Amino acid sequence: MMEYHELDDEDRDLIRAASDAIERNYSYPRHTVGAAVLCSSGAVYVGVNVECCGYGPCAEPIAIGRAITEGEREIERIVAVGGPSEPHNVLSPCGNCRQLVYDYAPDCWVILPQASRIVKIRARDLLPGAYGDSD
């Protein structure tokens, strides 16, 4: 059974960072989702999705890539939001993003909607039986 946890102030700050990213860059249909990652250094990195011919990288890999480019190796939390203006909807990561987060940060918190609330769960718990899982 998946164990969801309530959000804290750092989670809400991360949601605001993702919301700010998409508000500054929203352009339908190319940029509709913003993401933010919090690293163990305390730095936050944001990204937006990149749409091209009906497909492109989601916002989460862009944000993770920015963090890695800056030398970060420990991601603690991640969130994605959608929409042009407040209130932005917190989005559940797609299957590809779940695998990516699991590969880079299996113990990080993933913030997502569950029923009628926003919660967080460890990446490893969000993708049981992940590809490459040696358990």
C-alpha atoms as a PDB file:
ATOM      1  CA  MET A   1       0.000   0.000   0.000  1.00  0.00           C
ATOM      2  CA  MET A   2       1.309   3.445  -0.929  1.00  0.00           C
ATOM      3  CA  GLU A   3       2.008   5.755   1.985  1.00  0.00           C
ATOM      4  CA  TYR A   4       1.125   9.362   1.249  1.00  0.00           C
ATOM      5  CA  HIS A   5       2.277  12.216   3.484  1.00  0.00           C
ATOM      6  CA  GLU A   6       0.941  15.705   4.166  1.00  0.00           C
ATOM      7  CA  LEU A   7       2.747  18.730   2.720  1.00  0.00           C
ATOM      8  CA  ASP A   8       4.953  21.061   4.732  1.00  0.00           C
ATOM      9  CA  ASP A   9       6.112  24.639   4.123  1.00  0.00           C
ATOM     10  CA  GLU A  10       9.054  23.539   1.932  1.00  0.00           C
ATOM     11  CA  ASP A  11       6.614  21.631  -0.288  1.00  0.00           C
ATOM     12  CA  ARG A  12       4.370  24.672  -0.621  1.00  0.00           C
ATOM     13  CA  ASP A  13       7.405  26.853  -1.453  1.00  0.00           C
ATOM     14  CA  LEU A  14       8.385  24.385  -4.177  1.00  0.00           C
ATOM     15  CA  ILE A  15       4.872  24.481  -5.650  1.00  0.00           C
ATOM     16  CA  ARG A  16       5.139  28.298  -5.737  1.00  0.00           C
ATOM     17  CA  ALA A  17       8.499  28.062  -7.542  1.00  0.00           C
ATOM     18  CA  ALA A  18       7.010  25.771 -10.199  1.00  0.00           C
ATOM     19  CA  SER A  19       3.988  28.063 -10.496  1.00  0.00           C
ATOM     20  CA  ASP A  20       6.227  31.106 -10.971  1.00  0.00           C
ATOM     21  CA  ALA A  21       8.155  29.282 -13.705  1.00  0.00           C
ATOM     22  CA  ILE A  22       5.062  28.505 -15.754  1.00  0.00           C
ATOM     23  CA  GLU A  23       3.517  31.933 -15.189  1.00  0.00           C
ATOM     24  CA  ARG A  24       6.657  33.567 -16.613  1.00  0.00           C
ATOM     25  CA  ASN A  25       6.855  31.162 -19.560  1.00  0.00           C
ATOM     26  CA  TYR A  26       3.343  29.935 -20.374  1.00  0.00           C
ATOM     27  CA  SER A  27       2.788  29.743 -24.112  1.00  0.00           C
ATOM     28  CA  TYR A  28       0.100  27.380 -25.350  1.00  0.00           C
ATOM     29  CA  PRO A  29       0.737  24.755 -26.687  1.00  0.00           C
ATOM     30  CA  ARG A  30       4.538  24.822 -26.320  1.00  0.00           C
ATOM     31  CA  HIS A  31       5.014  25.573 -22.618  1.00  0.00           C
ATOM     32  CA  THR A  32       2.113  24.574 -20.381  1.00  0.00           C
ATOM     33  CA  VAL A  33       3.762  22.827 -17.408  1.00  0.00           C
ATOM     34  CA  GLY A  34       6.323  24.107 -14.922  1.00  0.00           C
ATOM     35  CA  ALA A  35       8.367  21.967 -12.545  1.00  0.00           C
ATOM     36  CA  ALA A  36      10.684  22.623  -9.633  1.00  0.00           C
ATOM     37  CA  VAL A  37      13.200  20.466  -7.801  1.00  0.00           C
ATOM     38  CA  LEU A  38      14.692  21.112  -4.385  1.00  0.00           C
ATOM     39  CA  CYS A  39      18.220  19.778  -3.915  1.00  0.00           C
ATOM     40  CA  SER A  40      20.018  18.912  -0.699  1.00  0.00           C
ATOM     41  CA  SER A  41      22.065  22.116  -1.067  1.00  0.00           C
ATOM     42  CA  GLY A  42      18.832  24.084  -0.614  1.00  0.00           C
ATOM     43  CA  ALA A  43      18.898  25.317  -4.216  1.00  0.00           C
ATOM     44  CA  VAL A  44      15.723  25.161  -6.281  1.00  0.00           C
ATOM     45  CA  TYR A  45      15.831  24.580 -10.049  1.00  0.00           C
ATOM     46  CA  VAL A  46      12.847  25.114 -12.325  1.00  0.00           C
ATOM     47  CA  GLY A  47      11.971  24.085 -15.843  1.00  0.00           C
ATOM     48  CA  VAL A  48       9.079  24.123 -18.292  1.00  0.00           C
ATOM     49  CA  ASN A  49       8.023  21.507 -20.776  1.00  0.00           C
ATOM     50  CA  VAL A  50       9.246  21.865 -24.363  1.00  0.00           C
ATOM     51  CA  GLU A  51       6.680  20.894 -26.996  1.00  0.00           C
ATOM     52  CA  CYS A  52       7.694  20.044 -30.553  1.00  0.00           C
ATOM     53  CA  CYS A  53       5.541  18.356 -33.194  1.00  0.00           C
ATOM     54  CA  GLY A  54       3.191  16.983 -30.567  1.00  0.00           C
ATOM     55  CA  TYR A  55       5.900  15.635 -28.256  1.00  0.00           C
ATOM     56  CA  GLY A  56       8.733  17.007 -26.210  1.00  0.00           C
ATOM     57  CA  PRO A  57      10.386  16.701 -22.833  1.00  0.00           C
ATOM     58  CA  CYS A  58       8.212  17.211 -19.809  1.00  0.00           C
ATOM     59  CA  ALA A  59       9.047  19.951 -17.326  1.00  0.00           C
ATOM     60  CA  GLU A  60      10.437  17.519 -14.738  1.00  0.00           C
ATOM     61  CA  PRO A  61      13.409  16.317 -16.852  1.00  0.00           C
ATOM     62  CA  ILE A  62      14.195  19.934 -17.766  1.00  0.00           C
ATOM     63  CA  ALA A  63      14.320  20.926 -14.076  1.00  0.00           C
ATOM     64  CA  ILE A  64      16.356  17.839 -13.151  1.00  0.00           C
ATOM     65  CA  GLY A  65      18.736  18.533 -16.036  1.00  0.00           C
ATOM     66  CA  ARG A  66      19.243  22.117 -14.864  1.00  0.00           C
ATOM     67  CA  ALA A  67      20.066  20.889 -11.361  1.00  0.00           C
ATOM     68  CA  ILE A  68      22.539  18.307 -12.664  1.00  0.00           C
ATOM     69  CA  THR A  69      24.136  20.869 -14.978  1.00  0.00           C
ATOM     70  CA  GLU A  70      24.787  23.058 -11.923  1.00  0.00           C
ATOM     71  CA  GLY A  71      26.507  20.171 -10.138  1.00  0.00           C
ATOM     72  CA  GLU A  72      23.648  18.983  -7.953  1.00  0.00           C
ATOM     73  CA  ARG A  73      23.442  15.257  -7.294  1.00  0.00           C
ATOM     74  CA  GLU A  74      20.927  14.977  -4.458  1.00  0.00           C
ATOM     75  CA  ILE A  75      17.331  15.855  -5.296  1.00  0.00           C
ATOM     76  CA  GLU A  76      15.042  15.962  -2.284  1.00  0.00           C
ATOM     77  CA  ARG A  77      11.644  17.016  -3.746  1.00  0.00           C
ATOM     78  CA  ILE A  78       9.964  17.541  -7.093  1.00  0.00           C
ATOM     79  CA  VAL A  79       6.634  18.955  -8.249  1.00  0.00           C
ATOM     80  CA  ALA A  80       4.984  19.838 -11.569  1.00  0.00           C
ATOM     81  CA  VAL A  81       2.112  22.258 -12.095  1.00  0.00           C
ATOM     82  CA  GLY A  82       0.030  23.180 -15.124  1.00  0.00           C
ATOM     83  CA  GLY A  83      -1.947  26.087 -16.431  1.00  0.00           C
ATOM     84  CA  PRO A  84      -1.412  29.722 -17.354  1.00  0.00           C
ATOM     85  CA  SER A  85      -2.447  31.327 -14.063  1.00  0.00           C
ATOM     86  CA  GLU A  86      -3.224  30.746 -10.396  1.00  0.00           C
ATOM     87  CA  PRO A  87      -4.396  28.462  -9.047  1.00  0.00           C
ATOM     88  CA  HIS A  88      -2.102  26.054 -10.894  1.00  0.00           C
ATOM     89  CA  ASN A  89      -3.022  22.402 -10.798  1.00  0.00           C
ATOM     90  CA  VAL A  90      -0.415  20.152  -9.238  1.00  0.00           C
ATOM     91  CA  LEU A  91       0.118  17.350 -11.733  1.00  0.00           C
ATOM     92  CA  SER A  92       0.984  13.714 -11.270  1.00  0.00           C
ATOM     93  CA  PRO A  93       4.167  12.782 -13.163  1.00  0.00           C
ATOM     94  CA  CYS A  94       3.775  10.701 -16.312  1.00  0.00           C
ATOM     95  CA  GLY A  95       5.282   7.211 -16.500  1.00  0.00           C
ATOM     96  CA  ASN A  96       8.491   8.419 -18.157  1.00  0.00           C
ATOM     97  CA  CYS A  97       8.986  11.072 -15.485  1.00  0.00           C
ATOM     98  CA  ARG A  98       8.304   8.572 -12.707  1.00  0.00           C
ATOM     99  CA  GLN A  99      11.055   6.369 -14.092  1.00  0.00           C
ATOM    100  CA  LEU A 100      13.419   9.333 -14.496  1.00  0.00           C
ATOM    101  CA  VAL A 101      12.876  10.526 -10.923  1.00  0.00           C
ATOM    102  CA  TYR A 102      13.300   6.958  -9.678  1.00  0.00           C
ATOM    103  CA  ASP A 103      16.585   6.638 -11.611  1.00  0.00           C
ATOM    104  CA  TYR A 104      18.037   9.910 -10.301  1.00  0.00           C
ATOM    105  CA  ALA A 105      16.466  10.238  -6.858  1.00  0.00           C
ATOM    106  CA  PRO A 106      14.536   7.173  -5.677  1.00  0.00           C
ATOM    107  CA  ASP A 107      14.181   8.580  -2.153  1.00  0.00           C
ATOM    108  CA  CYS A 108      13.027  12.071  -3.137  1.00  0.00           C
ATOM    109  CA  TRP A 109       9.529  13.277  -2.348  1.00  0.00           C
ATOM    110  CA  VAL A 110       7.175  13.575  -5.313  1.00  0.00           C
ATOM    111  CA  ILE A 111       4.336  16.048  -4.740  1.00  0.00           C
ATOM    112  CA  LEU A 112       1.110  15.074  -6.527  1.00  0.00           C
ATOM    113  CA  PRO A 113      -2.681  15.089  -6.309  1.00  0.00           C
ATOM    114  CA  GLN A 114      -4.389  12.185  -4.564  1.00  0.00           C
ATOM    115  CA  ALA A 115      -8.171  12.177  -4.413  1.00  0.00           C
ATOM    116  CA  SER A 116      -9.095  15.759  -3.438  1.00  0.00           C
ATOM    117  CA  ARG A 117      -5.824  16.766  -1.771  1.00  0.00           C
ATOM    118  CA  ILE A 118      -2.180  17.401  -2.567  1.00  0.00           C
ATOM    119  CA  VAL A 119       0.238  14.978  -0.911  1.00  0.00           C
ATOM    120  CA  LYS A 120       3.760  13.638  -1.295  1.00  0.00           C
ATOM    121  CA  ILE A 121       5.209  10.158  -1.674  1.00  0.00           C
ATOM    122  CA  ARG A 122       8.702   8.748  -2.126  1.00  0.00           C
ATOM    123  CA  ALA A 123       9.624   8.186  -5.782  1.00  0.00           C
ATOM    124  CA  ARG A 124      10.438   4.528  -5.116  1.00  0.00           C
ATOM    125  CA  ASP A 125       6.937   3.999  -3.700  1.00  0.00           C
ATOM    126  CA  LEU A 126       5.298   5.760  -6.634  1.00  0.00           C
ATOM    127  CA  LEU A 127       6.845   3.317  -9.116  1.00  0.00           C
ATOM    128  CA  PRO A 128       6.969  -0.159  -7.598  1.00  0.00           C
ATOM    129  CA  GLY A 129       8.758  -2.678  -9.798  1.00  0.00           C
ATOM    130  CA  ALA A 130      10.578   0.089 -11.681  1.00  0.00           C
ATOM    131  CA  TYR A 131      12.803  -0.828 -14.610  1.00  0.00           C
ATOM    132  CA  GLY A 132      16.267  -1.523 -13.285  1.00  0.00           C
ATOM    133  CA  ASP A 133      15.001  -2.215  -9.773  1.00  0.00           C
ATOM    134  CA  SER A 134      17.298  -4.830  -8.287  1.00  0.00           C
ATOM    135  CA  ASP A 135      15.023  -5.651  -5.343  1.00  0.00           C
END
